[in-house]
N, C-alpha and C. Protein backbone atom coordinates (compact mmCIF):
# COMPACT_ATOMS: atom_id res chain seq x y z
N MET A 1 -13.72 -23.18 12.60
CA MET A 1 -12.94 -22.07 12.91
C MET A 1 -11.74 -21.59 13.12
N ALA A 2 -11.15 -20.68 12.39
CA ALA A 2 -9.65 -20.53 12.88
C ALA A 2 -9.27 -20.07 14.26
N GLU A 3 -8.52 -20.34 14.69
CA GLU A 3 -7.79 -20.06 16.29
C GLU A 3 -7.32 -18.79 16.13
N PRO A 4 -7.40 -17.94 17.22
CA PRO A 4 -6.82 -16.69 17.33
C PRO A 4 -5.41 -16.66 16.97
N LEU A 5 -4.87 -15.75 16.59
CA LEU A 5 -3.22 -15.73 16.45
C LEU A 5 -2.41 -15.72 17.69
N GLY A 6 -1.44 -16.54 17.93
CA GLY A 6 -0.72 -16.19 19.34
C GLY A 6 -0.16 -14.84 19.59
N ALA A 7 0.44 -14.56 20.61
CA ALA A 7 1.02 -13.45 20.94
C ALA A 7 2.09 -12.82 20.37
N ALA A 8 2.86 -13.90 19.44
CA ALA A 8 4.29 -13.62 18.97
C ALA A 8 3.64 -12.93 17.61
N ALA A 9 2.81 -13.61 17.01
CA ALA A 9 2.18 -12.99 15.81
C ALA A 9 1.69 -11.68 15.85
N LEU A 10 0.81 -11.33 16.89
CA LEU A 10 -0.01 -10.24 17.24
C LEU A 10 0.78 -9.24 17.48
N ASP A 11 2.13 -9.49 18.29
CA ASP A 11 3.28 -8.53 18.31
C ASP A 11 3.89 -8.07 17.23
N GLN A 12 4.42 -8.99 16.15
CA GLN A 12 4.90 -8.78 14.76
C GLN A 12 4.03 -7.83 14.04
N LEU A 13 2.82 -8.17 13.91
CA LEU A 13 1.70 -7.52 13.10
C LEU A 13 1.37 -6.19 13.71
N PHE A 14 0.94 -5.93 14.81
CA PHE A 14 0.52 -4.84 15.77
C PHE A 14 1.19 -4.27 16.60
N ARG A 15 1.51 -5.00 17.65
CA ARG A 15 1.97 -4.44 19.07
C ARG A 15 3.23 -3.94 18.92
N THR A 16 4.27 -4.36 18.35
CA THR A 16 5.77 -4.00 18.24
C THR A 16 5.97 -3.39 16.79
N ALA A 17 5.00 -3.75 15.99
CA ALA A 17 5.50 -2.94 14.50
C ALA A 17 5.46 -1.71 14.70
N ARG A 18 6.19 -0.88 13.99
CA ARG A 18 6.38 0.46 13.88
C ARG A 18 6.62 0.90 12.45
N THR A 19 5.98 2.13 12.16
CA THR A 19 6.36 3.13 10.99
C THR A 19 7.87 3.35 11.18
N HIS A 20 8.70 2.72 9.84
CA HIS A 20 10.09 3.20 9.94
C HIS A 20 10.44 4.20 8.91
N TYR A 21 11.71 4.99 9.67
CA TYR A 21 12.09 6.24 8.97
C TYR A 21 13.55 5.96 8.43
N LYS A 22 14.29 5.24 8.95
CA LYS A 22 15.67 4.49 8.51
C LYS A 22 15.63 3.20 8.07
N TRP A 23 16.62 2.67 7.25
CA TRP A 23 16.38 1.48 6.49
C TRP A 23 18.10 0.87 6.80
N GLN A 24 17.95 -0.40 6.96
CA GLN A 24 19.28 -0.94 6.74
C GLN A 24 19.64 -1.44 5.39
N ASP A 25 20.88 -1.65 4.87
CA ASP A 25 21.17 -1.83 3.59
C ASP A 25 21.12 -3.32 3.53
N LYS A 26 19.82 -3.61 3.26
CA LYS A 26 19.47 -5.00 3.08
C LYS A 26 18.59 -5.14 1.93
N PRO A 27 18.85 -5.82 0.67
CA PRO A 27 17.73 -5.65 -0.32
C PRO A 27 16.60 -6.75 0.26
N VAL A 28 15.72 -6.47 -0.81
CA VAL A 28 14.39 -7.05 -0.81
C VAL A 28 14.13 -7.88 -2.18
N SER A 29 14.25 -9.04 -2.03
CA SER A 29 14.15 -9.93 -3.32
C SER A 29 13.10 -9.79 -4.19
N ASP A 30 13.35 -10.04 -5.54
CA ASP A 30 12.31 -10.11 -6.32
C ASP A 30 10.92 -11.09 -5.92
N GLU A 31 11.49 -12.19 -5.41
CA GLU A 31 10.87 -13.18 -5.16
C GLU A 31 10.13 -12.80 -3.89
N THR A 32 10.64 -12.30 -2.95
CA THR A 32 9.96 -11.55 -1.52
C THR A 32 8.80 -10.74 -2.32
N LEU A 33 8.92 -9.94 -3.04
CA LEU A 33 7.93 -8.90 -3.53
C LEU A 33 6.79 -9.88 -4.11
N LYS A 34 7.06 -10.68 -5.10
CA LYS A 34 5.89 -11.46 -5.55
C LYS A 34 5.28 -12.11 -4.47
N GLN A 35 5.87 -13.01 -3.47
CA GLN A 35 5.19 -13.50 -2.21
C GLN A 35 4.25 -12.56 -1.66
N LEU A 36 4.76 -11.04 -1.50
CA LEU A 36 4.16 -10.38 -0.77
C LEU A 36 2.80 -9.92 -1.61
N TYR A 37 2.82 -9.64 -3.01
CA TYR A 37 1.77 -9.68 -3.90
C TYR A 37 0.84 -10.74 -3.95
N GLU A 38 1.07 -11.87 -3.54
CA GLU A 38 0.43 -12.88 -3.78
C GLU A 38 -0.48 -12.80 -2.32
N LEU A 39 -0.06 -12.58 -1.22
CA LEU A 39 -0.66 -12.36 -0.01
C LEU A 39 -1.85 -11.22 -0.15
N VAL A 40 -1.03 -10.11 -0.67
CA VAL A 40 -2.25 -9.16 -0.64
C VAL A 40 -3.19 -9.26 -1.65
N ALA A 41 -3.20 -9.87 -2.64
CA ALA A 41 -4.23 -9.97 -3.72
C ALA A 41 -5.39 -10.99 -3.15
N LEU A 42 -4.91 -11.55 -1.96
CA LEU A 42 -6.06 -12.45 -1.27
C LEU A 42 -7.11 -11.60 -0.63
N GLY A 43 -6.73 -10.39 -0.01
CA GLY A 43 -7.52 -9.73 0.87
C GLY A 43 -8.89 -9.02 0.17
N PRO A 44 -9.99 -9.15 0.78
CA PRO A 44 -11.08 -8.60 0.25
C PRO A 44 -11.14 -7.22 -0.55
N THR A 45 -12.06 -7.31 -1.49
CA THR A 45 -12.32 -5.89 -2.19
C THR A 45 -13.83 -5.82 -2.84
N SER A 46 -14.38 -4.82 -2.70
CA SER A 46 -15.79 -4.95 -3.19
C SER A 46 -15.83 -5.68 -4.56
N ALA A 47 -16.74 -6.43 -4.71
CA ALA A 47 -16.87 -7.29 -5.91
C ALA A 47 -15.69 -7.57 -6.52
N ASN A 48 -14.69 -8.22 -5.67
CA ASN A 48 -13.47 -8.72 -6.10
C ASN A 48 -12.82 -7.85 -7.07
N CYS A 49 -12.97 -6.49 -6.91
CA CYS A 49 -12.66 -5.58 -8.22
C CYS A 49 -11.18 -5.45 -8.25
N GLU A 50 -10.21 -5.54 -7.08
CA GLU A 50 -8.80 -5.38 -6.97
C GLU A 50 -8.29 -4.33 -7.78
N PRO A 51 -8.70 -2.99 -7.64
CA PRO A 51 -8.21 -1.91 -8.48
C PRO A 51 -6.95 -1.62 -8.23
N ALA A 52 -6.19 -2.03 -7.16
CA ALA A 52 -4.88 -1.45 -6.86
C ALA A 52 -3.94 -2.02 -7.68
N ARG A 53 -3.00 -1.03 -8.25
CA ARG A 53 -1.77 -1.42 -9.06
C ARG A 53 -0.49 -0.93 -8.05
N TYR A 54 0.42 -1.40 -8.39
CA TYR A 54 1.80 -1.34 -7.67
C TYR A 54 3.03 -1.24 -8.38
N VAL A 55 3.82 -0.13 -8.07
CA VAL A 55 4.93 -0.10 -8.53
C VAL A 55 6.15 -0.18 -7.53
N PHE A 56 6.69 -1.03 -7.79
CA PHE A 56 7.93 -1.30 -6.52
C PHE A 56 9.17 -0.70 -7.28
N ILE A 57 9.67 0.36 -6.74
CA ILE A 57 10.76 0.98 -7.02
C ILE A 57 11.72 0.66 -6.36
N ARG A 58 12.97 0.17 -7.26
CA ARG A 58 14.01 -0.44 -6.60
C ARG A 58 15.39 0.17 -6.77
N THR A 59 15.73 0.72 -8.07
CA THR A 59 16.65 0.91 -8.81
C THR A 59 16.86 2.54 -8.60
N PRO A 60 18.19 3.10 -8.64
CA PRO A 60 18.43 4.30 -8.60
C PRO A 60 17.92 5.18 -9.48
N GLU A 61 17.65 4.66 -10.87
CA GLU A 61 16.92 5.41 -11.86
C GLU A 61 15.54 5.66 -11.57
N GLY A 62 14.75 4.64 -11.05
CA GLY A 62 13.42 4.67 -10.58
C GLY A 62 13.44 5.64 -9.38
N LYS A 63 13.95 5.52 -8.47
CA LYS A 63 14.12 6.82 -7.41
C LYS A 63 14.32 7.90 -7.84
N GLU A 64 15.25 8.25 -8.67
CA GLU A 64 15.42 9.73 -9.12
C GLU A 64 14.06 10.15 -9.99
N LYS A 65 13.57 9.26 -10.55
CA LYS A 65 12.30 9.70 -11.07
C LYS A 65 11.34 9.98 -10.22
N LEU A 66 11.37 9.31 -9.26
CA LEU A 66 10.55 9.93 -7.84
C LEU A 66 10.70 11.14 -7.18
N ARG A 67 11.90 11.24 -7.16
CA ARG A 67 12.61 12.42 -6.44
C ARG A 67 11.90 13.59 -6.42
N PRO A 68 11.21 14.26 -8.00
CA PRO A 68 10.75 15.45 -7.95
C PRO A 68 9.52 15.66 -7.14
N ALA A 69 8.52 14.46 -7.09
CA ALA A 69 7.43 14.41 -6.49
C ALA A 69 7.23 14.41 -4.97
N LEU A 70 8.71 14.37 -4.22
CA LEU A 70 8.52 13.96 -2.89
C LEU A 70 8.82 15.34 -2.06
N SER A 71 8.18 15.50 -1.08
CA SER A 71 8.32 16.65 -0.01
C SER A 71 9.66 16.70 0.43
N SER A 72 10.27 17.65 0.94
CA SER A 72 11.92 17.70 1.61
C SER A 72 11.89 16.91 2.74
N GLY A 73 10.39 16.71 3.62
CA GLY A 73 10.43 15.88 4.79
C GLY A 73 10.55 14.70 4.60
N ASN A 74 10.35 13.75 3.37
CA ASN A 74 10.08 12.60 3.02
C ASN A 74 11.22 11.91 2.22
N LEU A 75 11.96 13.09 1.78
CA LEU A 75 13.24 12.69 0.77
C LEU A 75 14.04 11.57 1.07
N GLU A 76 14.78 11.76 2.31
CA GLU A 76 15.81 11.22 2.61
C GLU A 76 15.25 9.34 3.12
N LYS A 77 14.41 9.54 3.80
CA LYS A 77 13.95 8.26 4.10
C LYS A 77 13.21 7.59 3.21
N THR A 78 12.83 7.96 2.11
CA THR A 78 12.28 7.47 0.97
C THR A 78 13.43 6.85 -0.01
N LEU A 79 14.21 7.94 -0.53
CA LEU A 79 15.42 7.54 -1.44
C LEU A 79 16.33 6.34 -0.56
N SER A 80 16.43 6.44 0.58
CA SER A 80 17.15 5.50 1.18
C SER A 80 16.54 4.08 1.30
N ALA A 81 15.22 3.84 1.24
CA ALA A 81 14.60 2.67 1.57
C ALA A 81 15.19 1.79 0.20
N PRO A 82 14.98 0.32 0.75
CA PRO A 82 15.17 -0.58 -0.44
C PRO A 82 14.36 -0.81 -1.45
N VAL A 83 12.94 -0.47 -1.27
CA VAL A 83 12.14 -0.53 -2.05
C VAL A 83 10.93 0.47 -1.65
N VAL A 84 10.44 1.18 -2.79
CA VAL A 84 9.17 2.12 -2.36
C VAL A 84 8.36 1.76 -3.31
N VAL A 85 7.24 1.51 -2.74
CA VAL A 85 6.00 0.99 -3.30
C VAL A 85 4.96 2.28 -3.78
N ILE A 86 4.75 2.37 -4.98
CA ILE A 86 3.55 3.37 -5.47
C ILE A 86 2.35 2.53 -5.13
N VAL A 87 1.45 2.75 -4.40
CA VAL A 87 -0.12 2.13 -4.34
C VAL A 87 -0.80 3.11 -5.06
N ALA A 88 -1.48 2.70 -6.08
CA ALA A 88 -2.04 3.15 -7.12
C ALA A 88 -3.30 2.20 -7.63
N TRP A 89 -4.10 3.13 -8.27
CA TRP A 89 -5.43 2.58 -8.81
C TRP A 89 -5.77 2.65 -10.24
N ASP A 90 -6.08 1.54 -10.69
CA ASP A 90 -6.51 1.42 -12.08
C ASP A 90 -7.72 2.06 -12.35
N VAL A 91 -7.50 3.12 -13.23
CA VAL A 91 -9.06 4.08 -13.54
C VAL A 91 -10.03 3.34 -14.35
N LYS A 92 -9.43 2.04 -15.02
CA LYS A 92 -10.27 1.22 -15.71
C LYS A 92 -10.48 -0.06 -15.12
N PHE A 93 -10.44 -0.07 -13.55
CA PHE A 93 -10.17 -1.53 -13.01
C PHE A 93 -11.44 -2.44 -13.49
N TYR A 94 -12.48 -1.97 -13.75
CA TYR A 94 -13.76 -2.42 -13.97
C TYR A 94 -13.69 -3.74 -15.44
N ASP A 95 -12.75 -3.41 -16.30
CA ASP A 95 -12.50 -3.92 -17.37
C ASP A 95 -12.10 -5.49 -16.97
N LYS A 96 -11.44 -5.57 -15.76
CA LYS A 96 -11.30 -6.85 -15.40
C LYS A 96 -12.43 -7.81 -14.71
N LEU A 97 -13.38 -6.81 -14.50
CA LEU A 97 -14.66 -7.69 -13.50
C LEU A 97 -15.14 -8.86 -14.15
N PRO A 98 -15.10 -8.95 -15.55
CA PRO A 98 -15.71 -10.05 -16.11
C PRO A 98 -14.68 -11.35 -15.89
N VAL A 99 -13.60 -11.11 -15.60
CA VAL A 99 -12.69 -12.43 -14.93
C VAL A 99 -12.61 -12.55 -13.66
N LEU A 100 -12.66 -11.20 -12.86
CA LEU A 100 -12.63 -11.16 -11.43
C LEU A 100 -13.73 -11.61 -10.69
N PHE A 101 -15.01 -11.05 -11.12
CA PHE A 101 -16.24 -11.32 -10.85
C PHE A 101 -17.25 -12.10 -11.92
N PRO A 102 -17.38 -12.95 -12.20
CA PRO A 102 -17.97 -13.66 -13.47
C PRO A 102 -19.39 -13.89 -13.35
N HIS A 103 -19.87 -13.87 -12.10
CA HIS A 103 -21.05 -14.44 -12.09
C HIS A 103 -22.10 -13.23 -12.05
N ALA A 104 -21.65 -11.94 -12.73
CA ALA A 104 -22.63 -10.70 -12.48
C ALA A 104 -22.01 -9.98 -13.48
N ASP A 105 -22.83 -8.80 -14.20
CA ASP A 105 -22.31 -8.13 -15.28
C ASP A 105 -21.87 -6.79 -13.97
N ALA A 106 -21.03 -7.07 -13.37
CA ALA A 106 -20.42 -5.81 -12.48
C ALA A 106 -19.57 -4.88 -13.23
N LYS A 107 -19.23 -4.79 -14.34
CA LYS A 107 -18.56 -3.99 -14.93
C LYS A 107 -19.67 -2.71 -15.28
N SER A 108 -20.96 -3.06 -15.52
CA SER A 108 -21.65 -2.06 -15.96
C SER A 108 -22.14 -1.11 -14.64
N TRP A 109 -21.78 -1.88 -13.62
CA TRP A 109 -22.12 -0.84 -12.15
C TRP A 109 -21.13 0.22 -12.39
N PHE A 110 -20.04 0.16 -12.89
CA PHE A 110 -19.07 1.41 -12.69
C PHE A 110 -18.68 2.23 -13.98
N THR A 111 -19.18 1.42 -15.17
CA THR A 111 -19.33 2.16 -16.55
C THR A 111 -20.18 3.34 -16.52
N SER A 112 -21.37 2.83 -15.94
CA SER A 112 -22.47 3.72 -15.91
C SER A 112 -22.12 5.13 -14.73
N SER A 113 -21.61 4.86 -13.95
CA SER A 113 -21.14 6.10 -13.15
C SER A 113 -19.70 6.09 -12.69
N PRO A 114 -18.94 7.22 -13.26
CA PRO A 114 -17.43 7.45 -13.22
C PRO A 114 -17.34 7.71 -11.70
N ALA A 115 -18.30 8.67 -11.11
CA ALA A 115 -17.77 8.93 -9.68
C ALA A 115 -17.94 7.85 -8.89
N PHE A 116 -19.07 7.14 -9.10
CA PHE A 116 -19.03 5.57 -8.36
C PHE A 116 -17.90 4.71 -8.27
N ALA A 117 -17.24 4.77 -9.87
CA ALA A 117 -16.00 4.07 -10.07
C ALA A 117 -14.79 4.58 -9.32
N GLU A 118 -14.68 6.08 -9.32
CA GLU A 118 -13.50 6.38 -8.81
C GLU A 118 -13.42 6.23 -7.20
N ALA A 119 -14.72 6.60 -6.80
CA ALA A 119 -14.97 6.32 -5.17
C ALA A 119 -14.60 4.67 -4.78
N THR A 120 -14.97 3.98 -5.49
CA THR A 120 -14.55 2.43 -5.29
C THR A 120 -13.44 2.05 -5.49
N ALA A 121 -12.64 2.58 -6.64
CA ALA A 121 -11.27 2.39 -6.68
C ALA A 121 -10.51 2.98 -5.70
N PHE A 122 -10.68 4.18 -5.38
CA PHE A 122 -9.86 4.93 -4.06
C PHE A 122 -9.82 4.14 -2.70
N ARG A 123 -11.23 3.72 -2.63
CA ARG A 123 -11.46 3.00 -1.26
C ARG A 123 -10.72 1.63 -1.33
N ASN A 124 -10.90 1.05 -2.27
CA ASN A 124 -10.55 -0.26 -2.01
C ASN A 124 -9.11 -0.39 -2.58
N SER A 125 -8.34 0.43 -3.23
CA SER A 125 -6.72 0.48 -3.31
C SER A 125 -6.16 1.00 -2.00
N SER A 126 -7.05 1.90 -0.98
CA SER A 126 -6.46 2.28 0.18
C SER A 126 -6.44 0.75 0.85
N LEU A 127 -7.52 0.22 1.00
CA LEU A 127 -7.65 -1.11 1.62
C LEU A 127 -6.56 -2.24 1.24
N GLN A 128 -6.28 -2.29 0.01
CA GLN A 128 -5.05 -3.18 -0.66
C GLN A 128 -3.83 -2.79 -0.30
N GLY A 129 -3.50 -1.39 -0.01
CA GLY A 129 -2.43 -0.96 0.35
C GLY A 129 -2.01 -1.27 1.81
N ALA A 130 -3.18 -1.32 2.87
CA ALA A 130 -3.31 -1.57 4.21
C ALA A 130 -2.93 -3.07 4.20
N TYR A 131 -3.51 -3.73 3.35
CA TYR A 131 -3.23 -5.27 3.49
C TYR A 131 -1.64 -5.26 3.00
N LEU A 132 -1.01 -4.56 1.99
CA LEU A 132 0.57 -4.90 1.75
C LEU A 132 1.22 -4.24 3.09
N ILE A 133 0.71 -3.60 3.75
CA ILE A 133 1.58 -3.04 5.02
C ILE A 133 1.45 -4.37 6.00
N MET A 134 0.37 -5.17 6.39
CA MET A 134 0.45 -6.17 7.09
C MET A 134 0.83 -7.51 6.39
N ALA A 135 0.82 -7.46 5.12
CA ALA A 135 1.49 -8.76 4.55
C ALA A 135 3.14 -8.52 4.71
N ALA A 136 3.48 -7.23 4.46
CA ALA A 136 4.82 -7.09 4.63
C ALA A 136 5.53 -7.22 5.95
N ARG A 137 4.75 -7.17 6.73
CA ARG A 137 5.03 -7.50 8.52
C ARG A 137 4.88 -8.95 8.70
N ALA A 138 4.00 -9.36 7.91
CA ALA A 138 3.95 -10.76 8.35
C ALA A 138 5.02 -11.72 7.69
N LEU A 139 5.74 -11.07 6.58
CA LEU A 139 6.83 -11.64 5.73
C LEU A 139 8.05 -11.19 6.54
N GLY A 140 8.03 -10.52 7.57
CA GLY A 140 9.22 -10.06 8.49
C GLY A 140 10.01 -8.73 7.71
N LEU A 141 9.04 -8.00 7.06
CA LEU A 141 9.61 -6.76 6.43
C LEU A 141 9.15 -5.57 7.17
N ASP A 142 9.73 -4.37 7.14
CA ASP A 142 9.14 -3.20 7.92
C ASP A 142 8.72 -2.34 6.72
N THR A 143 7.66 -1.31 7.28
CA THR A 143 7.02 -0.34 6.28
C THR A 143 7.02 1.02 6.74
N GLY A 144 6.96 2.02 5.78
CA GLY A 144 6.85 3.30 6.14
C GLY A 144 6.10 4.10 5.28
N PRO A 145 4.53 3.96 5.40
CA PRO A 145 3.50 4.51 4.59
C PRO A 145 3.74 5.90 4.75
N MET A 146 3.15 6.79 3.51
CA MET A 146 3.19 8.04 3.82
C MET A 146 2.40 8.63 2.61
N SER A 147 2.02 9.89 2.58
CA SER A 147 1.41 10.89 1.92
C SER A 147 1.82 11.87 1.32
N GLY A 148 3.12 12.36 1.81
CA GLY A 148 3.82 13.71 1.53
C GLY A 148 4.53 13.57 0.42
N PHE A 149 3.72 13.66 -0.75
CA PHE A 149 4.28 13.87 -2.15
C PHE A 149 3.16 14.13 -2.85
N ASP A 150 3.60 14.70 -4.09
CA ASP A 150 2.93 15.16 -5.22
C ASP A 150 2.41 14.23 -6.19
N ASN A 151 0.96 13.88 -5.94
CA ASN A 151 0.38 12.86 -6.79
C ASN A 151 0.65 13.23 -8.16
N ALA A 152 0.04 14.46 -8.74
CA ALA A 152 0.09 14.85 -10.11
C ALA A 152 1.65 14.50 -10.60
N LYS A 153 2.73 14.63 -9.93
CA LYS A 153 4.18 14.50 -10.45
C LYS A 153 4.29 12.98 -10.52
N VAL A 154 3.90 12.16 -9.59
CA VAL A 154 3.88 10.84 -9.23
C VAL A 154 3.22 10.17 -10.67
N ASP A 155 1.85 10.90 -10.82
CA ASP A 155 1.05 10.26 -12.24
C ASP A 155 1.73 10.62 -13.35
N ALA A 156 2.35 11.52 -13.60
CA ALA A 156 3.09 11.94 -14.99
C ALA A 156 4.22 11.11 -15.15
N ALA A 157 4.93 11.00 -13.88
CA ALA A 157 6.42 10.11 -14.06
C ALA A 157 6.00 8.72 -14.31
N PHE A 158 5.26 8.05 -13.42
CA PHE A 158 4.83 6.84 -13.64
C PHE A 158 3.64 6.02 -14.41
N PHE A 159 2.71 6.86 -14.55
CA PHE A 159 1.63 6.43 -15.17
C PHE A 159 1.29 7.85 -16.58
N PRO A 160 2.11 8.01 -17.23
CA PRO A 160 1.74 8.78 -18.28
C PRO A 160 0.89 8.88 -19.18
N ASP A 161 0.26 7.64 -19.42
CA ASP A 161 -0.83 7.48 -20.44
C ASP A 161 -1.99 7.56 -19.53
N GLY A 162 -2.13 8.06 -18.31
CA GLY A 162 -3.43 8.08 -17.48
C GLY A 162 -4.13 6.78 -16.88
N SER A 163 -3.43 5.62 -17.27
CA SER A 163 -4.10 4.61 -16.84
C SER A 163 -4.29 4.16 -15.32
N ALA A 164 -3.56 5.06 -14.68
CA ALA A 164 -3.76 4.57 -13.00
C ALA A 164 -3.65 6.07 -12.28
N LYS A 165 -3.77 5.98 -11.39
CA LYS A 165 -3.53 7.34 -10.23
C LYS A 165 -3.01 6.92 -8.98
N SER A 166 -1.97 7.50 -8.23
CA SER A 166 -1.34 7.42 -7.12
C SER A 166 -2.25 7.62 -6.22
N ASN A 167 -2.25 7.01 -5.15
CA ASN A 167 -2.86 6.82 -3.97
C ASN A 167 -2.04 7.35 -2.94
N PHE A 168 -0.97 6.44 -2.45
CA PHE A 168 0.05 6.58 -1.23
C PHE A 168 1.24 5.79 -1.69
N LEU A 169 2.29 6.04 -0.82
CA LEU A 169 3.48 5.49 -0.80
C LEU A 169 3.72 4.69 0.44
N ILE A 170 4.44 3.74 0.01
CA ILE A 170 5.03 2.95 1.20
C ILE A 170 6.67 2.52 0.95
N ASN A 171 7.21 2.91 2.02
CA ASN A 171 8.79 2.62 1.87
C ASN A 171 9.01 1.29 2.72
N LEU A 172 9.78 0.41 2.18
CA LEU A 172 9.74 -1.01 2.35
C LEU A 172 11.00 -1.72 2.46
N GLY A 173 11.15 -2.45 3.44
CA GLY A 173 12.59 -2.85 3.66
C GLY A 173 12.76 -3.53 5.00
N HIS A 174 13.78 -3.29 5.68
CA HIS A 174 14.30 -3.81 6.85
C HIS A 174 14.98 -2.54 7.50
N GLY A 175 13.80 -2.39 8.77
CA GLY A 175 13.86 -1.05 9.50
C GLY A 175 15.32 -1.05 10.26
N ASP A 176 15.71 0.36 10.44
CA ASP A 176 17.03 0.82 11.35
C ASP A 176 16.11 0.92 12.35
N GLU A 177 16.48 0.25 13.78
CA GLU A 177 15.35 0.59 14.80
C GLU A 177 16.51 2.29 15.47
N SER A 178 17.37 2.38 14.99
CA SER A 178 17.88 3.88 15.66
C SER A 178 17.13 4.91 15.14
N GLY A 179 16.27 4.75 13.90
CA GLY A 179 15.80 5.88 13.55
C GLY A 179 14.23 5.95 14.22
N LEU A 180 13.73 5.09 14.94
CA LEU A 180 12.66 5.29 15.47
C LEU A 180 12.00 6.02 16.64
N PHE A 181 10.87 6.80 16.58
CA PHE A 181 10.72 7.64 17.36
C PHE A 181 9.54 6.89 18.47
N GLY A 182 9.33 7.63 19.68
CA GLY A 182 8.58 6.94 20.61
C GLY A 182 7.21 6.32 20.06
N ARG A 183 6.61 5.79 20.37
CA ARG A 183 5.23 5.36 19.92
C ARG A 183 4.12 6.57 20.32
N LEU A 184 3.53 6.95 19.24
CA LEU A 184 2.63 8.03 19.72
C LEU A 184 1.23 7.26 20.36
N PRO A 185 0.84 8.21 21.15
CA PRO A 185 -0.65 7.73 21.76
C PRO A 185 -1.74 7.11 20.49
N ARG A 186 -2.76 6.56 21.17
CA ARG A 186 -3.72 5.92 20.52
C ARG A 186 -5.09 6.21 21.09
N LEU A 187 -6.21 6.61 20.44
CA LEU A 187 -7.49 7.02 21.18
C LEU A 187 -7.74 5.68 21.93
N PRO A 188 -8.22 5.99 23.13
CA PRO A 188 -8.99 4.75 24.00
C PRO A 188 -10.15 4.20 23.18
N PHE A 189 -10.60 2.96 23.33
CA PHE A 189 -11.90 2.42 23.00
C PHE A 189 -12.96 3.63 22.92
N ASP A 190 -13.39 4.08 24.27
CA ASP A 190 -14.23 4.85 24.30
C ASP A 190 -14.41 6.15 23.71
N GLU A 191 -13.41 6.68 23.27
CA GLU A 191 -13.52 7.80 22.23
C GLU A 191 -13.40 7.52 20.92
N ALA A 192 -12.90 6.49 20.37
CA ALA A 192 -13.01 5.82 19.04
C ALA A 192 -14.15 4.98 18.70
N ALA A 193 -14.70 4.42 19.43
CA ALA A 193 -15.99 3.21 19.11
C ALA A 193 -17.27 3.49 19.85
N THR A 194 -18.16 2.97 19.09
CA THR A 194 -19.33 2.94 20.00
C THR A 194 -20.15 1.52 19.84
N LEU A 195 -20.41 0.96 20.92
CA LEU A 195 -21.14 -0.05 20.96
C LEU A 195 -22.59 0.14 20.69
N ALA A 196 -23.44 -0.40 19.74
CA ALA A 196 -24.73 -0.10 19.20
C ALA A 196 -25.64 -1.21 19.27
């Protein structure tokens, strides 16, 4: 059995980790992004389907391509982030299942029901995006996840062939603590959970 993480790790992942709005002028290397992906890919998904696809936007050209899709309130914090990650889902993720889930004909589960395939892809890409946030924190990076953008514009700009659909964005880098707000309240256990 694994031992519980120590207080310092729990602080880094949860208790002192924050959503960031301002960023230090400090790049995130390609090697770090690859290491990040390798951690994220280990997170569980149903039938190991791994539907999430990621676009790591780092260049001025990439950010200008993203600009028209951003809401005005998210423009500055997103364009100033060292990396903006589009967390998307592959509309034909099931084509990879003969490799990812070889012990059953899992592909047929999804090709026979487009609604089931879409729900599965959306749910599991959301999970994978959450894994990305936690993996980034584990690697010493800060994140700023958000949904204040026009999905159709992102999809037209970055997935013009219709191969993927955007789920949400994550700004990524080394946060500038001067841009933090006070931590907002969280629901207590008795309001959010039930023991059955």
